[in-house]
Structure formats: structure tokens, C-alpha cells
PDB file of N, CA and C in Angstrom:
ATOM      1  N   MET A   1     115.474  80.202  85.667  1.00  0.00           N
ATOM      2  CA  MET A   1     115.755  81.392  86.521  1.00  0.00           C
ATOM      3  C   MET A   1     114.761  81.594  87.496  1.00  0.00           C
ATOM      4  N   SER A   2     114.885  82.000  88.730  1.00  0.00           N
ATOM      5  CA  SER A   2     113.868  82.340  89.555  1.00  0.00           C
ATOM      6  C   SER A   2     113.086  83.774  89.306  1.00  0.00           C
ATOM      7  N   GLN A   3     111.816  83.746  89.451  1.00  0.00           N
ATOM      8  CA  GLN A   3     111.037  84.834  89.344  1.00  0.00           C
ATOM      9  C   GLN A   3     111.506  86.042  90.115  1.00  0.00           C
ATOM     10  N   VAL A   4     111.459  87.220  89.168  1.00  0.00           N
ATOM     11  CA  VAL A   4     111.881  88.415  90.000  1.00  0.00           C
ATOM     12  C   VAL A   4     110.654  88.815  90.873  1.00  0.00           C
ATOM     13  N   LEU A   5     111.124  89.422  91.952  1.00  0.00           N
ATOM     14  CA  LEU A   5     109.991  90.176  92.809  1.00  0.00           C
ATOM     15  C   LEU A   5     110.310  91.488  93.182  1.00  0.00           C
ATOM     16  N   PHE A   6     109.223  92.457  93.371  1.00  0.00           N
ATOM     17  CA  PHE A   6     109.502  93.690  93.893  1.00  0.00           C
ATOM     18  C   PHE A   6     109.042  93.578  95.353  1.00  0.00           C
ATOM     19  N   VAL A   7     109.961  93.794  96.269  1.00  0.00           N
ATOM     20  CA  VAL A   7     109.473  93.731  97.850  1.00  0.00           C
ATOM     21  C   VAL A   7     109.334  95.200  98.207  1.00  0.00           C
ATOM     22  N   TYR A   8     108.235  95.387  98.804  1.00  0.00           N
ATOM     23  CA  TYR A   8     107.836  96.669  99.351  1.00  0.00           C
ATOM     24  C   TYR A   8     107.744  96.520 100.987  1.00  0.00           C
ATOM     25  N   ALA A   9     108.536  97.424 101.304  1.00  0.00           N
ATOM     26  CA  ALA A   9     108.554  97.539 102.941  1.00  0.00           C
ATOM     27  C   ALA A   9     108.539  99.080 103.300  1.00  0.00           C
ATOM     28  N   THR A  10     107.987  99.167 104.560  1.00  0.00           N
ATOM     29  CA  THR A  10     108.098 100.607 105.133  1.00  0.00           C
ATOM     30  C   THR A  10     109.105 100.617 106.180  1.00  0.00           C
ATOM     31  N   ALA A  11     109.707 101.910 106.486  1.00  0.00           N
ATOM     32  CA  ALA A  11     110.711 102.174 107.463  1.00  0.00           C
ATOM     33  C   ALA A  11     110.339 103.497 108.418  1.00  0.00           C
ATOM     34  N   SER A  12     110.991 103.502 109.412  1.00  0.00           N
ATOM     35  CA  SER A  12     110.543 104.614 110.228  1.00  0.00           C
ATOM     36  C   SER A  12     110.832 106.089 109.707  1.00  0.00           C
ATOM     37  N   ASP A  13     112.041 106.072 108.750  1.00  0.00           N
ATOM     38  CA  ASP A  13     112.540 107.391 108.127  1.00  0.00           C
ATOM     39  C   ASP A  13     113.372 106.908 106.985  1.00  0.00           C
ATOM     40  N   ALA A  14     113.924 107.783 106.124  1.00  0.00           N
ATOM     41  CA  ALA A  14     114.778 107.564 105.107  1.00  0.00           C
ATOM     42  C   ALA A  14     116.061 106.949 105.500  1.00  0.00           C
ATOM     43  N   ALA A  15     116.590 107.346 106.601  1.00  0.00           N
ATOM     44  CA  ALA A  15     117.743 106.984 107.142  1.00  0.00           C
ATOM     45  C   ALA A  15     117.880 105.434 107.217  1.00  0.00           C
ATOM     46  N   GLU A  16     116.639 105.008 107.913  1.00  0.00           N
ATOM     47  CA  GLU A  16     116.621 103.503 108.221  1.00  0.00           C
ATOM     48  C   GLU A  16     116.298 102.742 106.960  1.00  0.00           C
ATOM     49  N   ALA A  17     115.585 103.282 106.140  1.00  0.00           N
ATOM     50  CA  ALA A  17     115.416 102.578 104.876  1.00  0.00           C
ATOM     51  C   ALA A  17     116.775 102.483 103.972  1.00  0.00           C
ATOM     52  N   GLU A  18     117.548 103.480 104.000  1.00  0.00           N
ATOM     53  CA  GLU A  18     118.884 103.515 103.383  1.00  0.00           C
ATOM     54  C   GLU A  18     119.570 102.672 103.967  1.00  0.00           C
ATOM     55  N   ARG A  19     119.688 102.331 105.388  1.00  0.00           N
ATOM     56  CA  ARG A  19     120.521 101.560 105.905  1.00  0.00           C
ATOM     57  C   ARG A  19     120.372 100.041 105.711  1.00  0.00           C
ATOM     58  N   ILE A  20     119.059  99.907 105.673  1.00  0.00           N
ATOM     59  CA  ILE A  20     118.599  98.300 105.302  1.00  0.00           C
ATOM     60  C   ILE A  20     118.709  98.335 103.849  1.00  0.00           C
ATOM     61  N   GLY A  21     118.561  99.097 103.049  1.00  0.00           N
ATOM     62  CA  GLY A  21     118.746  99.012 101.574  1.00  0.00           C
ATOM     63  C   GLY A  21     120.142  98.750 101.434  1.00  0.00           C
ATOM     64  N   GLU A  22     121.124  99.458 101.949  1.00  0.00           N
ATOM     65  CA  GLU A  22     122.534  99.204 101.702  1.00  0.00           C
ATOM     66  C   GLU A  22     122.930  97.977 102.149  1.00  0.00           C
ATOM     67  N   ALA A  23     122.348  97.592 103.087  1.00  0.00           N
ATOM     68  CA  ALA A  23     122.815  96.024 103.786  1.00  0.00           C
ATOM     69  C   ALA A  23     122.312  94.954 102.912  1.00  0.00           C
ATOM     70  N   VAL A  24     121.295  94.932 102.501  1.00  0.00           N
ATOM     71  CA  VAL A  24     120.886  93.760 101.661  1.00  0.00           C
ATOM     72  C   VAL A  24     121.371  93.938 100.273  1.00  0.00           C
ATOM     73  N   VAL A  25     121.700  94.951  99.656  1.00  0.00           N
ATOM     74  CA  VAL A  25     122.122  94.993  98.433  1.00  0.00           C
ATOM     75  C   VAL A  25     123.621  94.602  98.549  1.00  0.00           C
ATOM     76  N   ASP A  26     124.365  95.085  99.498  1.00  0.00           N
ATOM     77  CA  ASP A  26     125.702  94.544  99.752  1.00  0.00           C
ATOM     78  C   ASP A  26     125.908  93.019  99.941  1.00  0.00           C
ATOM     79  N   GLU A  27     124.742  92.699 100.602  1.00  0.00           N
ATOM     80  CA  GLU A  27     124.715  91.128 100.831  1.00  0.00           C
ATOM     81  C   GLU A  27     124.247  90.293  99.695  1.00  0.00           C
ATOM     82  N   ARG A  28     123.891  90.986  98.642  1.00  0.00           N
ATOM     83  CA  ARG A  28     123.379  90.240  97.476  1.00  0.00           C
ATOM     84  C   ARG A  28     122.064  89.673  97.604  1.00  0.00           C
ATOM     85  N   LEU A  29     121.234  90.149  98.546  1.00  0.00           N
ATOM     86  CA  LEU A  29     120.046  89.590  98.843  1.00  0.00           C
ATOM     87  C   LEU A  29     118.999  90.548  97.946  1.00  0.00           C
ATOM     88  N   ALA A  30     119.527  91.537  97.433  1.00  0.00           N
ATOM     89  CA  ALA A  30     118.557  92.461  96.531  1.00  0.00           C
ATOM     90  C   ALA A  30     119.684  93.164  95.465  1.00  0.00           C
ATOM     91  N   ALA A  31     119.278  93.305  94.290  1.00  0.00           N
ATOM     92  CA  ALA A  31     120.002  94.046  93.451  1.00  0.00           C
ATOM     93  C   ALA A  31     119.978  95.559  93.293  1.00  0.00           C
ATOM     94  N   CYS A  32     118.750  95.939  93.931  1.00  0.00           N
ATOM     95  CA  CYS A  32     118.576  97.358  93.809  1.00  0.00           C
ATOM     96  C   CYS A  32     117.559  97.758  95.052  1.00  0.00           C
ATOM     97  N   ALA A  33     117.845  98.906  95.653  1.00  0.00           N
ATOM     98  CA  ALA A  33     116.802  99.345  96.687  1.00  0.00           C
ATOM     99  C   ALA A  33     116.464 100.798  96.238  1.00  0.00           C
ATOM    100  N   ASN A  34     115.154 101.103  96.277  1.00  0.00           N
ATOM    101  CA  ASN A  34     114.651 102.575  96.100  1.00  0.00           C
ATOM    102  C   ASN A  34     114.003 103.012  97.329  1.00  0.00           C
ATOM    103  N   VAL A  35     114.545 104.248  97.804  1.00  0.00           N
ATOM    104  CA  VAL A  35     114.089 104.766  99.051  1.00  0.00           C
ATOM    105  C   VAL A  35     113.062 105.973  98.528  1.00  0.00           C
ATOM    106  N   ILE A  36     112.113 106.050  99.058  1.00  0.00           N
ATOM    107  CA  ILE A  36     111.029 107.131  98.776  1.00  0.00           C
ATOM    108  C   ILE A  36     110.607 107.690 100.229  1.00  0.00           C
ATOM    109  N   ASP A  37     111.088 108.850 100.450  1.00  0.00           N
ATOM    110  CA  ASP A  37     110.750 109.504 101.725  1.00  0.00           C
ATOM    111  C   ASP A  37     109.451 110.318 101.761  1.00  0.00           C
ATOM    112  N   GLY A  38     109.137 110.592 103.005  1.00  0.00           N
ATOM    113  CA  GLY A  38     107.922 111.604 103.061  1.00  0.00           C
ATOM    114  C   GLY A  38     106.387 110.828 102.990  1.00  0.00           C
ATOM    115  N   MET A  39     106.399 109.501 103.035  1.00  0.00           N
ATOM    116  CA  MET A  39     105.101 108.731 103.087  1.00  0.00           C
ATOM    117  C   MET A  39     104.398 109.206 104.411  1.00  0.00           C
ATOM    118  N   ARG A  40     103.052 109.507 104.215  1.00  0.00           N
ATOM    119  CA  ARG A  40     102.380 109.595 105.528  1.00  0.00           C
ATOM    120  C   ARG A  40     101.414 108.571 105.595  1.00  0.00           C
ATOM    121  N   SER A  41     101.531 107.823 106.834  1.00  0.00           N
ATOM    122  CA  SER A  41     100.652 106.593 106.977  1.00  0.00           C
ATOM    123  C   SER A  41      99.569 106.816 108.137  1.00  0.00           C
ATOM    124  N   ILE A  42      98.367 106.281 107.917  1.00  0.00           N
ATOM    125  CA  ILE A  42      97.416 106.122 108.851  1.00  0.00           C
ATOM    126  C   ILE A  42      97.019 104.622 109.083  1.00  0.00           C
ATOM    127  N   PHE A  43      97.242 104.130 110.258  1.00  0.00           N
ATOM    128  CA  PHE A  43      97.131 102.852 110.492  1.00  0.00           C
ATOM    129  C   PHE A  43      96.408 102.555 111.893  1.00  0.00           C
ATOM    130  N   ARG A  44      95.849 101.418 112.039  1.00  0.00           N
ATOM    131  CA  ARG A  44      95.459 100.840 113.332  1.00  0.00           C
ATOM    132  C   ARG A  44      96.651 100.028 114.010  1.00  0.00           C
ATOM    133  N   TRP A  45      96.988 100.599 115.333  1.00  0.00           N
ATOM    134  CA  TRP A  45      98.047  99.661 116.061  1.00  0.00           C
ATOM    135  C   TRP A  45      97.489  99.738 117.429  1.00  0.00           C
ATOM    136  N   GLN A  46      97.505  98.552 118.019  1.00  0.00           N
ATOM    137  CA  GLN A  46      97.217  98.410 119.548  1.00  0.00           C
ATOM    138  C   GLN A  46      95.945  99.130 119.880  1.00  0.00           C
ATOM    139  N   GLY A  47      95.030  98.866 119.133  1.00  0.00           N
ATOM    140  CA  GLY A  47      93.573  99.436 119.389  1.00  0.00           C
ATOM    141  C   GLY A  47      93.025 100.733 119.032  1.00  0.00           C
ATOM    142  N   SER A  48      94.139 101.485 118.566  1.00  0.00           N
ATOM    143  CA  SER A  48      93.962 102.901 118.065  1.00  0.00           C
ATOM    144  C   SER A  48      94.341 103.225 116.822  1.00  0.00           C
ATOM    145  N   VAL A  49      93.792 104.422 116.281  1.00  0.00           N
ATOM    146  CA  VAL A  49      94.233 104.803 114.942  1.00  0.00           C
ATOM    147  C   VAL A  49      95.408 105.752 115.039  1.00  0.00           C
ATOM    148  N   GLN A  50      96.510 105.452 114.451  1.00  0.00           N
ATOM    149  CA  GLN A  50      97.652 106.336 114.599  1.00  0.00           C
ATOM    150  C   GLN A  50      98.035 106.921 113.149  1.00  0.00           C
ATOM    151  N   LYS A  51      98.828 107.841 113.242  1.00  0.00           N
ATOM    152  CA  LYS A  51      99.540 108.625 112.031  1.00  0.00           C
ATOM    153  C   LYS A  51     100.883 108.766 112.323  1.00  0.00           C
ATOM    154  N   GLY A  52     101.518 108.745 111.096  1.00  0.00           N
ATOM    155  CA  GLY A  52     102.995 108.996 111.219  1.00  0.00           C
ATOM    156  C   GLY A  52     103.522 109.245 109.826  1.00  0.00           C
ATOM    157  N   ARG A  53     104.818 109.510 109.887  1.00  0.00           N
ATOM    158  CA  ARG A  53     105.538 109.846 108.623  1.00  0.00           C
ATOM    159  C   ARG A  53     106.592 108.499 108.443  1.00  0.00           C
ATOM    160  N   GLU A  54     106.568 108.154 107.403  1.00  0.00           N
ATOM    161  CA  GLU A  54     107.506 106.725 106.996  1.00  0.00           C
ATOM    162  C   GLU A  54     108.251 107.110 105.679  1.00  0.00           C
ATOM    163  N   ALA A  55     109.200 106.075 105.585  1.00  0.00           N
ATOM    164  CA  ALA A  55     109.887 106.006 104.169  1.00  0.00           C
ATOM    165  C   ALA A  55     109.391 104.735 103.451  1.00  0.00           C
ATOM    166  N   ILE A  56     109.383 104.704 102.316  1.00  0.00           N
ATOM    167  CA  ILE A  56     108.931 103.386 101.433  1.00  0.00           C
ATOM    168  C   ILE A  56     110.354 102.852 100.866  1.00  0.00           C
ATOM    169  N   LEU A  57     110.545 101.569 101.009  1.00  0.00           N
ATOM    170  CA  LEU A  57     111.774 100.919 100.545  1.00  0.00           C
ATOM    171  C   LEU A  57     111.215  99.886  99.440  1.00  0.00           C
ATOM    172  N   ILE A  58     111.587  99.916  98.211  1.00  0.00           N
ATOM    173  CA  ILE A  58     111.292  98.781  97.132  1.00  0.00           C
ATOM    174  C   ILE A  58     112.453  98.187  96.753  1.00  0.00           C
ATOM    175  N   LEU A  59     112.714  97.020  96.908  1.00  0.00           N
ATOM    176  CA  LEU A  59     113.743  96.129  96.694  1.00  0.00           C
ATOM    177  C   LEU A  59     113.485  95.208  95.401  1.00  0.00           C
ATOM    178  N   LYS A  60     114.679  94.801  94.586  1.00  0.00           N
ATOM    179  CA  LYS A  60     114.344  94.109  93.461  1.00  0.00           C
ATOM    180  C   LYS A  60     115.296  92.906  93.843  1.00  0.00           C
ATOM    181  N   THR A  61     114.506  91.837  93.802  1.00  0.00           N
ATOM    182  CA  THR A  61     115.289  90.412  94.082  1.00  0.00           C
ATOM    183  C   THR A  61     114.682  89.281  93.450  1.00  0.00           C
ATOM    184  N   ARG A  62     115.038  88.155  93.744  1.00  0.00           N
ATOM    185  CA  ARG A  62     114.601  86.962  93.169  1.00  0.00           C
ATOM    186  C   ARG A  62     113.737  86.091  94.255  1.00  0.00           C
ATOM    187  N   GLU A  63     112.758  85.326  93.702  1.00  0.00           N
ATOM    188  CA  GLU A  63     111.757  84.793  94.637  1.00  0.00           C
ATOM    189  C   GLU A  63     112.475  83.802  95.456  1.00  0.00           C
ATOM    190  N   ASP A  64     113.545  83.017  95.017  1.00  0.00           N
ATOM    191  CA  ASP A  64     114.158  82.104  95.931  1.00  0.00           C
ATOM    192  C   ASP A  64     114.900  82.806  97.162  1.00  0.00           C
ATOM    193  N   LEU A  65     115.252  84.094  97.051  1.00  0.00           N
ATOM    194  CA  LEU A  65     115.979  84.709  98.141  1.00  0.00           C
ATOM    195  C   LEU A  65     114.989  85.447  98.986  1.00  0.00           C
ATOM    196  N   PHE A  66     113.673  85.253  98.752  1.00  0.00           N
ATOM    197  CA  PHE A  66     112.828  86.135  99.579  1.00  0.00           C
ATOM    198  C   PHE A  66     112.822  85.861 101.238  1.00  0.00           C
ATOM    199  N   ASP A  67     112.740  84.780 101.502  1.00  0.00           N
ATOM    200  CA  ASP A  67     112.599  84.293 102.982  1.00  0.00           C
ATOM    201  C   ASP A  67     113.958  84.889 103.623  1.00  0.00           C
ATOM    202  N   GLU A  68     115.139  84.686 103.018  1.00  0.00           N
ATOM    203  CA  GLU A  68     116.268  85.234 103.666  1.00  0.00           C
ATOM    204  C   GLU A  68     116.305  86.785 103.643  1.00  0.00           C
ATOM    205  N   LEU A  69     115.838  87.433 102.501  1.00  0.00           N
ATOM    206  CA  LEU A  69     115.851  88.884 102.636  1.00  0.00           C
ATOM    207  C   LEU A  69     115.002  89.283 103.638  1.00  0.00           C
ATOM    208  N   LYS A  70     113.583  88.704 103.713  1.00  0.00           N
ATOM    209  CA  LYS A  70     112.588  89.189 104.843  1.00  0.00           C
ATOM    210  C   LYS A  70     113.283  88.892 106.212  1.00  0.00           C
ATOM    211  N   GLN A  71     113.954  87.948 106.451  1.00  0.00           N
ATOM    212  CA  GLN A  71     114.536  87.707 107.821  1.00  0.00           C
ATOM    213  C   GLN A  71     115.652  88.873 108.086  1.00  0.00           C
ATOM    214  N   ARG A  72     116.299  89.231 107.104  1.00  0.00           N
ATOM    215  CA  ARG A  72     117.354  90.159 107.160  1.00  0.00           C
ATOM    216  C   ARG A  72     116.841  91.601 107.538  1.00  0.00           C
ATOM    217  N   ILE A  73     115.604  91.811 106.685  1.00  0.00           N
ATOM    218  CA  ILE A  73     115.038  93.040 106.953  1.00  0.00           C
ATOM    219  C   ILE A  73     114.513  93.216 108.463  1.00  0.00           C
ATOM    220  N   VAL A  74     113.755  92.125 108.984  1.00  0.00           N
ATOM    221  CA  VAL A  74     113.383  92.129 110.164  1.00  0.00           C
ATOM    222  C   VAL A  74     114.450  92.243 111.171  1.00  0.00           C
ATOM    223  N   GLU A  75     115.700  91.668 110.961  1.00  0.00           N
ATOM    224  CA  GLU A  75     116.823  91.614 112.022  1.00  0.00           C
ATOM    225  C   GLU A  75     117.352  93.197 111.877  1.00  0.00           C
ATOM    226  N   LEU A  76     117.258  94.038 110.806  1.00  0.00           N
ATOM    227  CA  LEU A  76     117.847  95.298 110.685  1.00  0.00           C
ATOM    228  C   LEU A  76     116.774  96.372 111.154  1.00  0.00           C
ATOM    229  N   HIS A  77     115.391  95.994 111.249  1.00  0.00           N
ATOM    230  CA  HIS A  77     114.312  97.010 111.308  1.00  0.00           C
ATOM    231  C   HIS A  77     114.155  97.427 112.880  1.00  0.00           C
ATOM    232  N   SER A  78     113.609  98.633 112.973  1.00  0.00           N
ATOM    233  CA  SER A  78     113.256  99.086 114.241  1.00  0.00           C
ATOM    234  C   SER A  78     112.020  98.770 114.758  1.00  0.00           C
ATOM    235  N   TYR A  79     110.970  98.483 113.699  1.00  0.00           N
ATOM    236  CA  TYR A  79     109.604  98.131 114.053  1.00  0.00           C
ATOM    237  C   TYR A  79     109.448  96.660 114.649  1.00  0.00           C
ATOM    238  N   GLU A  80     108.430  96.567 115.690  1.00  0.00           N
ATOM    239  CA  GLU A  80     108.074  95.341 116.167  1.00  0.00           C
ATOM    240  C   GLU A  80     107.444  94.502 115.066  1.00  0.00           C
ATOM    241  N   LEU A  81     106.624  95.059 114.161  1.00  0.00           N
ATOM    242  CA  LEU A  81     105.891  94.419 113.043  1.00  0.00           C
ATOM    243  C   LEU A  81     106.074  95.165 111.858  1.00  0.00           C
ATOM    244  N   PRO A  82     107.322  94.917 111.166  1.00  0.00           N
ATOM    245  CA  PRO A  82     107.453  95.766 109.880  1.00  0.00           C
ATOM    246  C   PRO A  82     106.660  95.233 108.723  1.00  0.00           C
ATOM    247  N   CYS A  83     106.086  96.063 107.894  1.00  0.00           N
ATOM    248  CA  CYS A  83     105.781  95.668 106.740  1.00  0.00           C
ATOM    249  C   CYS A  83     106.507  95.221 105.553  1.00  0.00           C
ATOM    250  N   ILE A  84     106.463  94.091 105.354  1.00  0.00           N
ATOM    251  CA  ILE A  84     107.339  93.445 104.263  1.00  0.00           C
ATOM    252  C   ILE A  84     106.589  92.532 103.306  1.00  0.00           C
ATOM    253  N   VAL A  85     106.263  93.050 102.099  1.00  0.00           N
ATOM    254  CA  VAL A  85     105.373  92.209 101.123  1.00  0.00           C
ATOM    255  C   VAL A  85     106.150  92.091  99.878  1.00  0.00           C
ATOM    256  N   ALA A  86     105.853  91.055  99.105  1.00  0.00           N
ATOM    257  CA  ALA A  86     106.493  90.714  97.951  1.00  0.00           C
ATOM    258  C   ALA A  86     105.396  90.674  96.754  1.00  0.00           C
ATOM    259  N   MET A  87     105.739  91.332  95.581  1.00  0.00           N
ATOM    260  CA  MET A  87     104.764  91.347  94.524  1.00  0.00           C
ATOM    261  C   MET A  87     105.617  90.497  93.319  1.00  0.00           C
ATOM    262  N   PRO A  88     105.128  89.615  92.779  1.00  0.00           N
ATOM    263  CA  PRO A  88     105.900  89.192  91.382  1.00  0.00           C
ATOM    264  C   PRO A  88     105.797  90.078  90.245  1.00  0.00           C
ATOM    265  N   VAL A  89     107.004  89.890  89.635  1.00  0.00           N
ATOM    266  CA  VAL A  89     107.128  90.787  88.239  1.00  0.00           C
ATOM    267  C   VAL A  89     106.682  89.790  87.243  1.00  0.00           C
ATOM    268  N   THR A  90     105.599  89.810  86.673  1.00  0.00           N
ATOM    269  CA  THR A  90     105.139  88.901  85.673  1.00  0.00           C
ATOM    270  C   THR A  90     105.660  89.241  84.170  1.00  0.00           C
ATOM    271  N   VAL A  91     106.119  90.455  84.026  1.00  0.00           N
ATOM    272  CA  VAL A  91     106.609  90.752  82.634  1.00  0.00           C
ATOM    273  C   VAL A  91     107.517  92.138  82.852  1.00  0.00           C
ATOM    274  N   GLY A  92     108.488  92.145  81.941  1.00  0.00           N
ATOM    275  CA  GLY A  92     109.244  93.319  82.160  1.00  0.00           C
ATOM    276  C   GLY A  92     110.372  93.298  81.106  1.00  0.00           C
ATOM    277  N   HIS A  93     111.256  94.347  81.234  1.00  0.00           N
ATOM    278  CA  HIS A  93     112.366  94.560  80.184  1.00  0.00           C
ATOM    279  C   HIS A  93     113.407  93.356  80.559  1.00  0.00           C
ATOM    280  N   GLU A  94     113.489  92.389  79.544  1.00  0.00           N
ATOM    281  CA  GLU A  94     114.329  91.204  79.812  1.00  0.00           C
ATOM    282  C   GLU A  94     115.699  91.480  80.393  1.00  0.00           C
ATOM    283  N   PRO A  95     116.540  92.516  79.794  1.00  0.00           N
ATOM    284  CA  PRO A  95     117.823  92.836  80.272  1.00  0.00           C
ATOM    285  C   PRO A  95     117.931  93.195  81.565  1.00  0.00           C
ATOM    286  N   PHE A  96     116.706  94.109  82.031  1.00  0.00           N
ATOM    287  CA  PHE A  96     116.637  94.362  83.514  1.00  0.00           C
ATOM    288  C   PHE A  96     116.319  93.230  84.355  1.00  0.00           C
ATOM    289  N   LEU A  97     115.497  92.365  83.985  1.00  0.00           N
ATOM    290  CA  LEU A  97     115.238  91.163  84.812  1.00  0.00           C
ATOM    291  C   LEU A  97     116.490  90.302  84.908  1.00  0.00           C
ATOM    292  N   ASP A  98     117.189  90.329  83.720  1.00  0.00           N
ATOM    293  CA  ASP A  98     118.562  89.494  83.769  1.00  0.00           C
ATOM    294  C   ASP A  98     119.541  90.124  84.795  1.00  0.00           C
ATOM    295  N   TRP A  99     119.411  91.393  84.774  1.00  0.00           N
ATOM    296  CA  TRP A  99     120.405  92.136  85.698  1.00  0.00           C
ATOM    297  C   TRP A  99     120.125  91.834  87.043  1.00  0.00           C
ATOM    298  N   VAL A 100     118.881  91.956  87.493  1.00  0.00           N
ATOM    299  CA  VAL A 100     118.473  91.487  88.748  1.00  0.00           C
ATOM    300  C   VAL A 100     118.876  90.077  89.240  1.00  0.00           C
ATOM    301  N   ALA A 101     118.793  89.158  88.325  1.00  0.00           N
ATOM    302  CA  ALA A 101     119.083  87.698  88.532  1.00  0.00           C
ATOM    303  C   ALA A 101     120.592  87.562  88.754  1.00  0.00           C
ATOM    304  N   SER A 102     121.312  88.420  88.146  1.00  0.00           N
ATOM    305  CA  SER A 102     122.889  88.260  88.000  1.00  0.00           C
ATOM    306  C   SER A 102     123.533  89.051  89.218  1.00  0.00           C
ATOM    307  N   GLU A 103     122.860  90.014  89.737  1.00  0.00           N
ATOM    308  CA  GLU A 103     123.284  90.849  91.004  1.00  0.00           C
ATOM    309  C   GLU A 103     122.989  90.367  92.158  1.00  0.00           C
ATOM    310  N   THR A 104     122.145  89.178  92.290  1.00  0.00           N
ATOM    311  CA  THR A 104     121.529  88.735  93.471  1.00  0.00           C
ATOM    312  C   THR A 104     122.047  87.211  93.901  1.00  0.00           C
ATOM    313  N   GLY A 105     122.402  86.990  95.065  1.00  0.00           N
ATOM    314  CA  GLY A 105     122.850  85.684  95.430  1.00  0.00           C
ATOM    315  C   GLY A 105     124.181  85.259  94.814  1.00  0.00           C
ATOM    316  N   PRO A 106     124.747  84.182  95.346  1.00  0.00           N
ATOM    317  CA  PRO A 106     125.937  83.718  94.724  1.00  0.00           C
ATOM    318  C   PRO A 106     125.903  83.728  93.247  1.00  0.00           C
ATOM    319  N   SER A 107     126.947  83.988  92.607  1.00  0.00           N
ATOM    320  CA  SER A 107     126.843  83.883  91.122  1.00  0.00           C
ATOM    321  C   SER A 107     126.689  82.428  90.625  1.00  0.00           C
ATOM    322  N   GLU A 108     127.136  81.312  91.437  1.00  0.00           N
ATOM    323  CA  GLU A 108     126.708  79.924  91.048  1.00  0.00           C
ATOM    324  C   GLU A 108     125.370  79.713  90.938  1.00  0.00           C
ATOM    325  N   MET A 109     124.404  80.444  91.605  1.00  0.00           N
ATOM    326  CA  MET A 109     123.153  80.241  91.580  1.00  0.00           C
ATOM    327  C   MET A 109     122.097  80.841  90.460  1.00  0.00           C
ATOM    328  N   VAL A 110     122.969  81.589  89.687  1.00  0.00           N
ATOM    329  CA  VAL A 110     121.943  82.366  88.590  1.00  0.00           C
ATOM    330  C   VAL A 110     122.287  81.587  87.296  1.00  0.00           C
TER     331      VAL A 110
END
């Protein structure tokens, strides 16, 4: 079985995060999407320090689907340079990890 990943992404607001989350779960690129609204961000962009409000999107997926998931997020995202990073899940509740594997990708891949 492919390793489970948590994919962290930011979005301009909760509506965008929900739209992306719904699309990638529907397309079986992720088993679950968590949207956390109200994040405040401070970042350097185009030579100056910026501040803004964003939403966090946490997706549960498999490592072998990451490149396709990342590309889909980029296609759906409003940002020129969206934050999309993956963190491997090294340990966890096995039934949950099995569920992530079974709910992502075509069933013959699992």
C-alpha cells in the first residue's frame, strides 16, 4: 500500500478551499478535506511584506496520487503560486489509514 500523506495547502478563503476540497474528494484524489477558516498570514511577496486572511486546506491522500492532486489544486486555485506541501504519515490508526487508501484512486489500485 502507498504511504498516506497529509497535504497542507492554503486558499484565499473558505469558499475556495471548500471548492477545491470537494473537487479533489469527488475525483478520488483525496479521501478527506478539512477546511480551517480564519488564518492570518504574513508573507513576503514581490519584494514586500504582505498580510492577509486565508483558509487552510488539509487533504488526506496516498503518496502515489500526490503529483496528480498537486496539479489539480494548481488548476483550481486562484493564486499564482499556491502553497501545496505534503507530510508523510509515519504512524497512525490502521483502520483510518486503510480507509484513506480505499477511498482514493481507482479501486483496482488499492
